[in-house]
Amino acid sequence: MNKAELVSEIARVTGQNKIQVQGALSAFLHVLTGALSKGERVTLIGFGTFERRQRQARVGVNPQDPKQKLRIAAAKVPAFRAGQELKDVVDGKAKLHSPEIPAPTKAKAKTKAKTSSNHAGHKKAAPKKKAKGRR
């Protein structure tokens, strides 16, 4: 599944449009990447933990010339550890639960209703009369 397919599937499950889902997913990835770049750990209970690890410098071998040794520099790399719930679902030991999607609140529904009714039945104000003597 690529990013576009993921966005489509999330939109289908949540009932949101693809633009909203794309924005939320982009924001999630941006925040996650920023946290990892600062060395912070991001834990999503049941899903897993994203963290930054330090990889030590080491000596490698050139695959085209096995006699040639290469020095590989130390690096900070992203890492993911799956949570127990994710492991159990992937292994078939547990069932995938339906997502917990909050229902829209009544306040939001009223706001949308007022907005749509104002535009539909609202008459435009009469144009203002020009002041006399000025051209």
N, C-alpha and C. Protein backbone atom coordinates (compact mmCIF):
# COMPACT_ATOMS: atom_id res chain seq x y z
N MET A 1 0.86 -1.18 0.00
CA MET A 1 0.00 0.00 0.00
C MET A 1 0.90 1.23 0.00
N ASN A 2 0.65 2.13 -0.93
CA ASN A 2 1.43 3.37 -0.96
C ASN A 2 0.65 4.49 -0.24
N LYS A 3 1.23 5.69 -0.22
CA LYS A 3 0.62 6.80 0.53
C LYS A 3 -0.77 7.17 0.00
N ALA A 4 -0.92 7.21 -1.32
CA ALA A 4 -2.23 7.56 -1.92
C ALA A 4 -3.29 6.52 -1.55
N GLU A 5 -2.92 5.25 -1.58
CA GLU A 5 -3.86 4.19 -1.21
C GLU A 5 -4.20 4.27 0.28
N LEU A 6 -3.21 4.60 1.10
CA LEU A 6 -3.44 4.76 2.54
C LEU A 6 -4.42 5.90 2.80
N VAL A 7 -4.22 7.02 2.12
CA VAL A 7 -5.13 8.17 2.27
C VAL A 7 -6.55 7.78 1.86
N SER A 8 -6.69 7.08 0.75
CA SER A 8 -8.01 6.65 0.28
C SER A 8 -8.68 5.73 1.29
N GLU A 9 -7.94 4.80 1.84
CA GLU A 9 -8.51 3.86 2.81
C GLU A 9 -8.92 4.55 4.10
N ILE A 10 -8.08 5.47 4.60
CA ILE A 10 -8.43 6.22 5.81
C ILE A 10 -9.67 7.07 5.55
N ALA A 11 -9.76 7.69 4.39
CA ALA A 11 -10.93 8.51 4.03
C ALA A 11 -12.19 7.64 4.01
N ARG A 12 -12.08 6.44 3.48
CA ARG A 12 -13.24 5.54 3.42
C ARG A 12 -13.68 5.14 4.83
N VAL A 13 -12.73 4.81 5.69
CA VAL A 13 -13.05 4.34 7.04
C VAL A 13 -13.62 5.46 7.91
N THR A 14 -13.05 6.67 7.79
CA THR A 14 -13.45 7.77 8.66
C THR A 14 -14.61 8.60 8.12
N GLY A 15 -14.85 8.54 6.82
CA GLY A 15 -15.90 9.36 6.23
C GLY A 15 -15.44 10.78 5.92
N GLN A 16 -14.15 11.06 6.12
CA GLN A 16 -13.63 12.38 5.79
C GLN A 16 -13.23 12.40 4.31
N ASN A 17 -13.02 13.60 3.79
CA ASN A 17 -12.59 13.65 2.40
C ASN A 17 -11.07 13.45 2.33
N LYS A 18 -10.58 13.14 1.14
CA LYS A 18 -9.17 12.81 0.97
C LYS A 18 -8.25 13.98 1.29
N ILE A 19 -8.71 15.20 1.06
CA ILE A 19 -7.87 16.37 1.33
C ILE A 19 -7.64 16.51 2.83
N GLN A 20 -8.69 16.30 3.64
CA GLN A 20 -8.54 16.36 5.09
C GLN A 20 -7.60 15.26 5.58
N VAL A 21 -7.76 14.06 5.06
CA VAL A 21 -6.92 12.94 5.48
C VAL A 21 -5.47 13.19 5.05
N GLN A 22 -5.27 13.69 3.84
CA GLN A 22 -3.92 13.98 3.35
C GLN A 22 -3.24 15.00 4.26
N GLY A 23 -3.98 16.03 4.66
CA GLY A 23 -3.43 17.04 5.56
C GLY A 23 -3.08 16.47 6.92
N ALA A 24 -3.96 15.64 7.46
CA ALA A 24 -3.70 15.03 8.77
C ALA A 24 -2.51 14.08 8.71
N LEU A 25 -2.43 13.28 7.65
CA LEU A 25 -1.32 12.35 7.51
C LEU A 25 0.00 13.11 7.34
N SER A 26 -0.01 14.15 6.53
CA SER A 26 1.20 14.96 6.34
C SER A 26 1.64 15.61 7.65
N ALA A 27 0.69 16.11 8.42
CA ALA A 27 1.00 16.71 9.71
C ALA A 27 1.57 15.67 10.67
N PHE A 28 0.98 14.47 10.69
CA PHE A 28 1.48 13.39 11.55
C PHE A 28 2.92 13.06 11.20
N LEU A 29 3.20 12.87 9.92
CA LEU A 29 4.55 12.53 9.49
C LEU A 29 5.54 13.65 9.79
N HIS A 30 5.10 14.90 9.64
CA HIS A 30 5.95 16.05 9.92
C HIS A 30 6.32 16.10 11.41
N VAL A 31 5.33 15.94 12.27
CA VAL A 31 5.56 15.98 13.72
C VAL A 31 6.42 14.79 14.15
N LEU A 32 6.14 13.61 13.61
CA LEU A 32 6.92 12.42 13.95
C LEU A 32 8.38 12.59 13.53
N THR A 33 8.62 13.06 12.32
CA THR A 33 9.97 13.26 11.82
C THR A 33 10.71 14.31 12.65
N GLY A 34 10.02 15.40 12.99
CA GLY A 34 10.64 16.44 13.82
C GLY A 34 11.02 15.91 15.19
N ALA A 35 10.15 15.11 15.80
CA ALA A 35 10.44 14.55 17.12
C ALA A 35 11.64 13.60 17.05
N LEU A 36 11.70 12.77 16.02
CA LEU A 36 12.82 11.84 15.88
C LEU A 36 14.13 12.58 15.63
N SER A 37 14.07 13.66 14.85
CA SER A 37 15.29 14.42 14.57
C SER A 37 15.85 15.08 15.83
N LYS A 38 14.97 15.35 16.81
CA LYS A 38 15.41 15.93 18.09
C LYS A 38 15.84 14.86 19.08
N GLY A 39 15.68 13.60 18.71
CA GLY A 39 16.06 12.51 19.60
C GLY A 39 14.93 12.07 20.52
N GLU A 40 13.73 12.55 20.29
CA GLU A 40 12.59 12.17 21.12
C GLU A 40 12.04 10.82 20.69
N ARG A 41 11.38 10.15 21.59
CA ARG A 41 10.73 8.87 21.33
C ARG A 41 9.23 9.13 21.20
N VAL A 42 8.60 8.52 20.20
CA VAL A 42 7.15 8.66 20.01
C VAL A 42 6.53 7.28 20.20
N THR A 43 5.68 7.16 21.23
CA THR A 43 5.05 5.88 21.55
C THR A 43 3.56 5.96 21.30
N LEU A 44 3.05 5.03 20.51
CA LEU A 44 1.62 4.89 20.26
C LEU A 44 1.23 3.56 20.90
N ILE A 45 0.59 3.64 22.07
CA ILE A 45 0.29 2.45 22.86
C ILE A 45 -0.44 1.41 22.00
N GLY A 46 0.05 0.19 22.04
CA GLY A 46 -0.55 -0.91 21.29
C GLY A 46 -0.02 -1.02 19.87
N PHE A 47 0.43 0.09 19.30
CA PHE A 47 0.93 0.06 17.92
C PHE A 47 2.43 -0.10 17.89
N GLY A 48 3.15 0.79 18.59
CA GLY A 48 4.60 0.67 18.60
C GLY A 48 5.29 1.96 19.00
N THR A 49 6.62 1.91 18.95
CA THR A 49 7.44 3.04 19.35
C THR A 49 8.42 3.40 18.24
N PHE A 50 8.45 4.68 17.91
CA PHE A 50 9.41 5.21 16.96
C PHE A 50 10.50 5.88 17.77
N GLU A 51 11.77 5.62 17.42
CA GLU A 51 12.86 6.24 18.16
C GLU A 51 14.07 6.41 17.26
N ARG A 52 15.04 7.17 17.76
CA ARG A 52 16.29 7.38 17.04
C ARG A 52 17.36 6.57 17.74
N ARG A 53 18.13 5.82 16.96
CA ARG A 53 19.22 5.02 17.52
C ARG A 53 20.54 5.46 16.91
N GLN A 54 21.60 5.25 17.67
CA GLN A 54 22.95 5.58 17.21
C GLN A 54 23.59 4.31 16.65
N ARG A 55 23.96 4.36 15.39
CA ARG A 55 24.67 3.23 14.78
C ARG A 55 26.16 3.55 14.81
N GLN A 56 26.95 2.64 15.34
CA GLN A 56 28.39 2.84 15.48
C GLN A 56 29.11 2.77 14.13
N ALA A 57 30.26 3.41 14.04
CA ALA A 57 31.10 3.30 12.84
C ALA A 57 31.58 1.86 12.72
N ARG A 58 31.73 1.40 11.49
CA ARG A 58 32.16 0.02 11.29
C ARG A 58 32.89 -0.12 9.96
N VAL A 59 33.51 -1.25 9.79
CA VAL A 59 34.21 -1.54 8.54
C VAL A 59 33.34 -2.48 7.72
N GLY A 60 33.12 -2.14 6.45
CA GLY A 60 32.31 -2.95 5.56
C GLY A 60 33.14 -3.47 4.41
N VAL A 61 32.52 -4.23 3.54
CA VAL A 61 33.20 -4.81 2.38
C VAL A 61 32.51 -4.33 1.12
N ASN A 62 33.29 -3.94 0.11
CA ASN A 62 32.75 -3.55 -1.19
C ASN A 62 32.24 -4.80 -1.89
N PRO A 63 30.94 -4.90 -2.20
CA PRO A 63 30.42 -6.12 -2.82
C PRO A 63 30.99 -6.39 -4.22
N GLN A 64 31.46 -5.35 -4.91
CA GLN A 64 32.03 -5.55 -6.24
C GLN A 64 33.49 -6.01 -6.16
N ASP A 65 34.14 -5.69 -5.05
CA ASP A 65 35.54 -6.11 -4.84
C ASP A 65 35.68 -6.52 -3.38
N PRO A 66 35.42 -7.78 -3.04
CA PRO A 66 35.43 -8.22 -1.64
C PRO A 66 36.75 -7.99 -0.91
N LYS A 67 37.84 -7.81 -1.63
CA LYS A 67 39.13 -7.54 -0.98
C LYS A 67 39.22 -6.12 -0.45
N GLN A 68 38.40 -5.22 -1.02
CA GLN A 68 38.43 -3.81 -0.64
C GLN A 68 37.56 -3.59 0.60
N LYS A 69 38.15 -2.99 1.62
CA LYS A 69 37.43 -2.68 2.86
C LYS A 69 36.97 -1.22 2.81
N LEU A 70 35.78 -0.97 3.33
CA LEU A 70 35.22 0.38 3.36
C LEU A 70 34.96 0.77 4.81
N ARG A 71 35.20 2.04 5.13
CA ARG A 71 34.88 2.53 6.46
C ARG A 71 33.50 3.17 6.38
N ILE A 72 32.57 2.67 7.18
CA ILE A 72 31.21 3.20 7.21
C ILE A 72 31.10 4.08 8.46
N ALA A 73 30.73 5.33 8.27
CA ALA A 73 30.68 6.30 9.36
C ALA A 73 29.52 6.00 10.32
N ALA A 74 29.64 6.49 11.53
CA ALA A 74 28.56 6.39 12.52
C ALA A 74 27.38 7.22 12.02
N ALA A 75 26.19 6.81 12.42
CA ALA A 75 25.00 7.54 11.97
C ALA A 75 23.88 7.40 12.98
N LYS A 76 22.98 8.38 12.95
CA LYS A 76 21.75 8.31 13.74
C LYS A 76 20.67 7.83 12.78
N VAL A 77 19.97 6.76 13.17
CA VAL A 77 18.99 6.15 12.27
C VAL A 77 17.65 6.01 12.97
N PRO A 78 16.54 6.11 12.21
CA PRO A 78 15.22 5.89 12.80
C PRO A 78 15.00 4.39 13.02
N ALA A 79 14.23 4.08 14.06
CA ALA A 79 13.93 2.68 14.35
C ALA A 79 12.48 2.58 14.83
N PHE A 80 11.88 1.43 14.62
CA PHE A 80 10.50 1.18 15.04
C PHE A 80 10.45 -0.15 15.76
N ARG A 81 9.80 -0.17 16.92
CA ARG A 81 9.55 -1.41 17.66
C ARG A 81 8.04 -1.59 17.73
N ALA A 82 7.57 -2.70 17.21
CA ALA A 82 6.13 -2.97 17.19
C ALA A 82 5.62 -3.22 18.60
N GLY A 83 4.41 -2.71 18.89
CA GLY A 83 3.76 -2.95 20.16
C GLY A 83 3.12 -4.33 20.17
N GLN A 84 2.76 -4.80 21.37
CA GLN A 84 2.22 -6.15 21.51
C GLN A 84 0.91 -6.34 20.75
N GLU A 85 0.03 -5.35 20.78
CA GLU A 85 -1.25 -5.48 20.07
C GLU A 85 -1.03 -5.63 18.56
N LEU A 86 -0.12 -4.84 17.99
CA LEU A 86 0.19 -4.95 16.56
C LEU A 86 0.78 -6.32 16.26
N LYS A 87 1.68 -6.80 17.09
CA LYS A 87 2.29 -8.11 16.89
C LYS A 87 1.23 -9.21 16.90
N ASP A 88 0.30 -9.12 17.85
CA ASP A 88 -0.75 -10.14 17.96
C ASP A 88 -1.68 -10.15 16.76
N VAL A 89 -2.06 -8.98 16.25
CA VAL A 89 -2.94 -8.90 15.09
C VAL A 89 -2.24 -9.43 13.84
N VAL A 90 -0.98 -9.07 13.66
CA VAL A 90 -0.23 -9.52 12.49
C VAL A 90 -0.03 -11.04 12.54
N ASP A 91 0.18 -11.58 13.74
CA ASP A 91 0.41 -13.01 13.90
C ASP A 91 -0.89 -13.82 13.85
N GLY A 92 -2.05 -13.14 13.91
CA GLY A 92 -3.32 -13.83 13.87
C GLY A 92 -3.83 -14.26 15.25
N LYS A 93 -3.14 -13.86 16.30
CA LYS A 93 -3.54 -14.21 17.67
C LYS A 93 -4.67 -13.33 18.17
N ALA A 94 -4.84 -12.16 17.56
CA ALA A 94 -5.89 -11.22 17.98
C ALA A 94 -6.61 -10.72 16.74
N LYS A 95 -7.82 -10.23 16.95
CA LYS A 95 -8.65 -9.71 15.87
C LYS A 95 -8.42 -8.20 15.75
N LEU A 96 -8.42 -7.69 14.53
CA LEU A 96 -8.29 -6.26 14.30
C LEU A 96 -9.60 -5.59 14.70
N HIS A 97 -9.52 -4.65 15.64
CA HIS A 97 -10.72 -3.96 16.12
C HIS A 97 -11.09 -2.81 15.20
N SER A 98 -12.36 -2.45 15.22
CA SER A 98 -12.83 -1.30 14.45
C SER A 98 -12.19 -0.04 15.01
N PRO A 99 -11.89 0.94 14.17
CA PRO A 99 -11.28 2.17 14.66
C PRO A 99 -12.26 2.96 15.51
N GLU A 100 -11.74 3.65 16.51
CA GLU A 100 -12.56 4.49 17.37
C GLU A 100 -12.62 5.88 16.77
N ILE A 101 -13.69 6.14 16.05
CA ILE A 101 -13.86 7.43 15.37
C ILE A 101 -14.94 8.19 16.12
N PRO A 102 -14.59 9.34 16.71
CA PRO A 102 -15.61 10.09 17.44
C PRO A 102 -16.71 10.60 16.51
N ALA A 103 -17.94 10.54 17.00
CA ALA A 103 -19.07 11.04 16.23
C ALA A 103 -19.04 12.57 16.26
N PRO A 104 -19.53 13.22 15.20
CA PRO A 104 -19.56 14.68 15.20
C PRO A 104 -20.45 15.19 16.33
N THR A 105 -20.00 16.26 16.97
CA THR A 105 -20.78 16.82 18.07
C THR A 105 -21.94 17.63 17.52
N LYS A 106 -22.95 17.85 18.37
CA LYS A 106 -24.13 18.60 17.94
C LYS A 106 -23.78 20.04 17.63
N ALA A 107 -22.79 20.60 18.33
CA ALA A 107 -22.41 22.00 18.09
C ALA A 107 -21.89 22.17 16.67
N LYS A 108 -21.09 21.22 16.21
CA LYS A 108 -20.58 21.32 14.85
C LYS A 108 -21.70 21.17 13.83
N ALA A 109 -22.64 20.27 14.11
CA ALA A 109 -23.75 20.04 13.19
C ALA A 109 -24.61 21.29 13.07
N LYS A 110 -24.86 21.98 14.20
CA LYS A 110 -25.66 23.20 14.16
C LYS A 110 -24.94 24.30 13.40
N THR A 111 -23.63 24.39 13.58
CA THR A 111 -22.85 25.42 12.89
C THR A 111 -22.95 25.22 11.38
N LYS A 112 -22.80 23.97 10.95
CA LYS A 112 -22.90 23.70 9.51
C LYS A 112 -24.30 24.01 9.00
N ALA A 113 -25.34 23.67 9.77
CA ALA A 113 -26.71 23.91 9.35
C ALA A 113 -26.97 25.41 9.21
N LYS A 114 -26.49 26.20 10.18
CA LYS A 114 -26.68 27.64 10.11
C LYS A 114 -25.97 28.22 8.90
N THR A 115 -24.76 27.79 8.67
CA THR A 115 -23.99 28.30 7.55
C THR A 115 -24.69 28.02 6.24
N SER A 116 -25.15 26.77 6.07
CA SER A 116 -25.78 26.43 4.80
C SER A 116 -27.12 27.15 4.63
N SER A 117 -27.88 27.34 5.72
CA SER A 117 -29.18 28.00 5.58
C SER A 117 -29.00 29.50 5.32
N ASN A 118 -27.94 30.09 5.89
CA ASN A 118 -27.70 31.51 5.66
C ASN A 118 -27.39 31.78 4.19
N HIS A 119 -26.64 30.91 3.59
CA HIS A 119 -26.28 31.13 2.19
C HIS A 119 -27.44 30.83 1.26
N ALA A 120 -28.25 29.85 1.61
CA ALA A 120 -29.31 29.44 0.70
C ALA A 120 -30.45 30.45 0.65
N GLY A 121 -30.91 30.95 1.81
CA GLY A 121 -32.09 31.79 1.82
C GLY A 121 -31.81 33.26 2.08
N HIS A 122 -30.56 33.64 2.11
CA HIS A 122 -30.21 35.01 2.44
C HIS A 122 -30.31 35.90 1.20
N LYS A 123 -31.00 37.01 1.36
CA LYS A 123 -31.10 37.97 0.26
C LYS A 123 -29.92 38.92 0.34
N LYS A 124 -29.44 39.33 -0.80
CA LYS A 124 -28.33 40.28 -0.82
C LYS A 124 -28.84 41.65 -0.43
N ALA A 125 -28.00 42.37 0.26
CA ALA A 125 -28.37 43.73 0.67
C ALA A 125 -28.45 44.62 -0.57
N ALA A 126 -29.34 45.60 -0.52
CA ALA A 126 -29.49 46.53 -1.64
C ALA A 126 -28.22 47.35 -1.76
N PRO A 127 -27.79 47.65 -2.98
CA PRO A 127 -26.57 48.45 -3.14
C PRO A 127 -26.76 49.84 -2.53
N LYS A 128 -25.67 50.36 -1.97
CA LYS A 128 -25.74 51.69 -1.36
C LYS A 128 -25.86 52.75 -2.44
N LYS A 129 -26.64 53.80 -2.12
CA LYS A 129 -26.80 54.89 -3.07
C LYS A 129 -25.58 55.77 -3.03
N LYS A 130 -25.24 56.30 -4.18
CA LYS A 130 -24.07 57.19 -4.26
C LYS A 130 -24.43 58.53 -3.67
N ALA A 131 -23.45 59.11 -3.04
CA ALA A 131 -23.68 60.44 -2.46
C ALA A 131 -23.77 61.45 -3.58
N LYS A 132 -24.72 62.43 -3.42
CA LYS A 132 -24.92 63.45 -4.44
C LYS A 132 -23.78 64.44 -4.41
N GLY A 133 -23.46 64.95 -5.56
CA GLY A 133 -22.46 66.02 -5.65
C GLY A 133 -21.03 65.48 -5.85
N ARG A 134 -20.83 64.22 -5.70
CA ARG A 134 -19.49 63.67 -5.89
C ARG A 134 -19.50 62.76 -7.10
N ARG A 135 -18.52 62.90 -7.90
CA ARG A 135 -18.39 62.03 -9.07
C ARG A 135 -17.03 61.52 -9.16
